[in-house]
Protein backbone atom coordinates (compact mmCIF):
# COMPACT_ATOMS: atom_id res chain seq x y z
CA MET A 1 0.00 0.00 0.00
CA ALA A 2 1.35 3.40 -0.86
CA ALA A 3 2.53 5.49 2.06
CA THR A 4 0.02 8.27 1.40
CA LYS A 5 -2.90 5.83 1.32
CA ARG A 6 -1.69 4.22 4.55
CA VAL A 7 -1.40 7.63 6.25
CA ARG A 8 -4.90 8.57 5.10
CA ARG A 9 -6.33 5.24 6.29
CA ASP A 10 -4.53 5.48 9.63
CA SER A 11 -5.69 9.02 10.19
CA LEU A 12 -9.29 7.85 9.69
CA LEU A 13 -8.78 5.19 12.35
CA GLY A 14 -7.66 7.79 14.87
CA PRO A 15 -4.21 8.76 16.07
CA ALA A 16 -4.13 6.34 19.01
CA ARG A 17 -5.04 3.32 16.90
CA ALA A 18 -2.64 4.35 14.14
CA ARG A 19 0.14 4.73 16.73
CA ARG A 20 -0.61 1.29 18.22
CA GLU A 21 -0.50 -0.31 14.77
CA TRP A 22 2.78 1.45 13.98
CA LEU A 23 4.28 0.32 17.30
CA GLN A 24 3.17 -3.27 16.64
CA ARG A 25 4.75 -3.22 13.17
CA GLU A 26 7.93 -1.70 14.53
CA ILE A 27 8.15 -4.32 17.30
CA ALA A 28 7.72 -7.09 14.71
CA LYS A 29 10.51 -5.61 12.58
CA THR A 30 12.76 -5.28 15.62
CA ASP A 31 12.07 -8.89 16.61
CA ALA A 32 13.10 -10.02 13.12
CA GLN A 33 16.27 -7.92 13.31
CA LEU A 34 17.11 -9.38 16.72
CA LYS A 35 16.73 -12.91 15.32
CA PHE A 36 18.98 -11.97 12.42
CA LEU A 37 21.58 -10.56 14.84
CA GLU A 38 21.44 -13.66 17.05
CA ASP A 39 22.16 -15.83 14.02
CA HIS A 40 25.12 -13.64 13.08
CA ILE A 41 26.47 -13.57 16.64
CA ARG A 42 26.30 -17.35 16.83
CA ALA A 43 28.08 -17.68 13.47
CA GLN A 44 30.76 -15.20 14.53
CA GLN A 45 31.35 -17.09 17.77
CA GLU A 46 31.82 -20.25 15.72
CA ARG A 47 34.35 -18.45 13.50
CA ILE A 48 36.28 -17.34 16.56
CA GLU A 49 36.29 -20.89 17.93
CA GLU A 50 37.63 -22.14 14.60
CA LEU A 51 40.34 -19.47 14.58
CA GLU A 52 41.33 -20.51 18.11
CA ARG A 53 41.62 -24.14 16.98
CA VAL A 54 43.87 -23.31 14.02
CA GLY A 55 45.83 -20.57 15.77
CA GLY A 56 44.55 -17.79 13.52
CA GLU A 57 44.45 -14.07 14.18
CA MET A 58 41.31 -13.32 16.16
CA ALA A 59 41.47 -9.59 16.94
CA ALA A 60 39.32 -8.46 14.02
CA ALA A 61 36.88 -11.34 14.54
CA ARG A 62 36.47 -10.45 18.22
CA ASP A 63 36.06 -6.76 17.39
CA PHE A 64 33.30 -7.63 14.94
CA LEU A 65 31.62 -9.83 17.55
CA VAL A 66 31.60 -6.89 19.97
CA THR A 67 30.04 -4.72 17.25
CA LEU A 68 27.30 -7.30 16.68
CA GLN A 69 26.65 -7.56 20.41
CA ASP A 70 26.45 -3.76 20.74
CA CYS A 71 23.99 -3.68 17.87
CA ARG A 72 21.87 -6.36 19.55
CA GLU A 73 21.87 -4.38 22.78
CA ALA A 74 20.72 -1.24 20.96
CA HIS A 75 17.90 -3.19 19.27
CA GLU A 76 16.85 -4.73 22.60
CA THR A 77 16.72 -1.27 24.19
CA TYR A 78 14.69 0.05 21.27
CA ARG A 79 12.27 -2.88 21.52
CA LEU A 80 11.77 -2.30 25.23
CA ARG A 81 10.97 1.35 24.57
CA LEU A 82 8.50 0.39 21.86
CA ALA A 83 6.83 -2.14 24.15
CA ARG A 84 6.51 0.45 26.93
CA ASP A 85 5.04 2.94 24.46
CA LEU A 86 2.57 0.32 23.21
CA GLU A 87 1.55 -0.51 26.75
CA ALA A 88 0.93 3.19 27.46
CA THR A 89 -1.33 3.67 24.43
């Protein structure tokens, strides 16, 4: 659905309902992103384990793992805020 049609439809439903629907969609997207990040974190941990076994350089791999974990934490914080906002509406 085109963005303008969606805005028009949502505005007819009322601002509170439109906000709830937006929050629900945003929570669903964030949940999918968190699943995606978990998969990548698990794969990166496996890469690090393999590098440890073969004696490879792990600094960059560990740095990337930290970046993924930081990203997951930011998404979790965002999801909590969305959930609180949804609860308040």
